[in-house]
Protein backbone atom coordinates (compact mmCIF):
# COMPACT_ATOMS: atom_id res chain seq x y z
CA MET A 1 -2.68 10.75 10.53
CA LEU A 2 -3.79 7.31 11.63
CA ARG A 3 -1.71 5.41 14.18
CA PHE A 4 -1.68 1.67 14.73
CA SER A 5 0.20 -0.56 17.14
CA SER A 6 0.70 -3.35 14.60
CA LEU A 7 0.46 -4.11 10.90
CA LEU A 8 -2.37 -6.55 11.61
CA GLN A 9 -4.34 -3.83 13.41
CA ALA A 10 -3.88 -1.48 10.45
CA VAL A 11 -4.93 -4.07 7.87
CA GLU A 12 -7.97 -5.01 9.94
CA TYR A 13 -8.95 -1.34 10.17
CA PHE A 14 -8.73 -0.79 6.42
CA ARG A 15 -10.54 -4.06 5.72
CA THR A 16 -13.48 -3.39 8.04
CA GLU A 17 -13.75 0.37 8.60
CA THR A 18 -13.17 1.82 5.14
CA ASP A 19 -14.29 1.30 1.57
CA TYR A 20 -10.66 1.16 0.46
CA VAL A 21 -9.75 -1.56 -2.02
CA PRO A 22 -6.92 -3.93 -0.98
CA PHE A 23 -4.87 -3.51 -4.17
CA ASN A 24 -2.24 -6.01 -5.24
CA LEU A 25 1.19 -4.76 -6.24
CA LYS A 26 2.25 -6.19 -9.61
CA GLY A 27 5.68 -4.87 -10.57
CA ASP A 28 5.13 -1.22 -11.42
CA ALA A 29 1.35 -1.54 -11.54
CA ILE A 30 -1.48 -1.82 -9.05
CA GLU A 31 -4.11 -4.51 -9.59
CA HIS A 32 -7.72 -4.38 -8.41
CA PRO A 33 -8.40 -7.75 -6.71
CA ASP A 34 -11.98 -8.10 -7.96
CA THR A 35 -11.79 -6.82 -11.54
CA LEU A 36 -8.09 -7.65 -12.13
CA GLU A 37 -7.81 -4.25 -13.82
CA THR A 38 -4.31 -2.83 -13.55
CA PHE A 39 -3.37 0.79 -12.99
CA SER A 40 -0.08 2.47 -13.72
CA MET A 41 1.72 3.91 -10.72
CA VAL A 42 2.67 6.91 -12.82
CA ASN A 43 -1.02 7.86 -13.03
CA SER A 44 -1.74 7.02 -9.38
CA GLU A 45 -1.46 9.35 -6.42
CA ILE A 46 -0.13 8.37 -3.01
CA ILE A 47 -2.53 9.95 -0.54
CA ASP A 48 -0.68 8.76 2.56
CA SER A 49 1.95 6.27 3.67
CA ILE A 50 2.03 4.66 7.08
CA LYS A 51 5.30 3.23 8.34
CA MET A 52 5.05 0.18 10.56
CA GLU A 53 8.21 -0.99 12.34
CA ALA A 54 8.53 -4.47 13.79
CA SER A 55 9.65 -4.24 17.40
CA SER A 56 11.63 -7.49 17.18
CA ASP A 57 13.48 -6.79 13.92
CA ALA A 58 15.23 -3.53 13.08
CA ASP A 59 15.00 -4.35 9.36
CA GLY A 60 11.32 -5.26 9.61
CA VAL A 61 9.70 -2.14 8.21
CA SER A 62 6.41 -2.31 6.32
CA LEU A 63 4.71 0.55 4.53
CA ILE A 64 1.00 0.83 3.95
CA HIS A 65 0.42 3.08 0.96
CA ILE A 66 -3.01 4.66 0.54
CA VAL A 67 -3.41 5.39 -3.16
CA LYS A 68 -5.91 6.90 -5.55
CA VAL A 69 -5.76 5.34 -9.00
CA ASP A 70 -6.66 7.12 -12.22
CA ASP A 71 -10.33 6.00 -12.21
CA GLY A 72 -10.79 7.59 -8.76
CA THR A 73 -10.78 4.36 -6.74
CA ILE A 74 -9.01 4.67 -3.39
CA GLY A 75 -7.26 1.68 -1.92
CA TYR A 76 -4.13 0.49 -0.23
CA PHE A 77 -1.27 -1.93 -0.59
CA ILE A 78 1.44 -3.09 1.74
CA ASP A 79 5.11 -3.17 0.88
CA ALA A 80 8.44 -3.43 2.64
CA SER A 81 10.97 -0.62 2.58
CA GLY A 82 14.52 -0.36 1.29
CA ILE A 83 16.09 -3.35 -0.41
CA TYR A 84 13.10 -5.52 0.56
CA SER A 85 10.65 -3.36 -1.37
CA SER A 86 8.60 -4.94 -4.14
CA LEU A 87 8.45 -1.67 -6.06
CA GLU A 88 10.57 -2.03 -9.16
CA HIS A 89 10.91 1.69 -9.89
CA PRO A 90 9.82 3.75 -6.84
CA GLU A 91 11.38 6.88 -8.34
CA LYS A 92 8.52 6.92 -10.91
CA TRP A 93 6.11 7.89 -8.16
């Protein structure tokens, strides 16, 4: 499992050291930033999730989700946890 000291360090790693796509979260779908194609979360697989806690804010928890969408593309998106999450229906995953 990868470990990072900050969210910025993690994002920089995925941006420069991998071929992962920086997906956009759109409600209950994932959008490819270049093609604007959307993928259902129901048909996507979470490969890994990395929890990043802000040292200055106990509620400041970000999650980096590494996902494989149904066409085989692997990418990531960042979300908050708990009531701050952008996921509309996380139970569908």
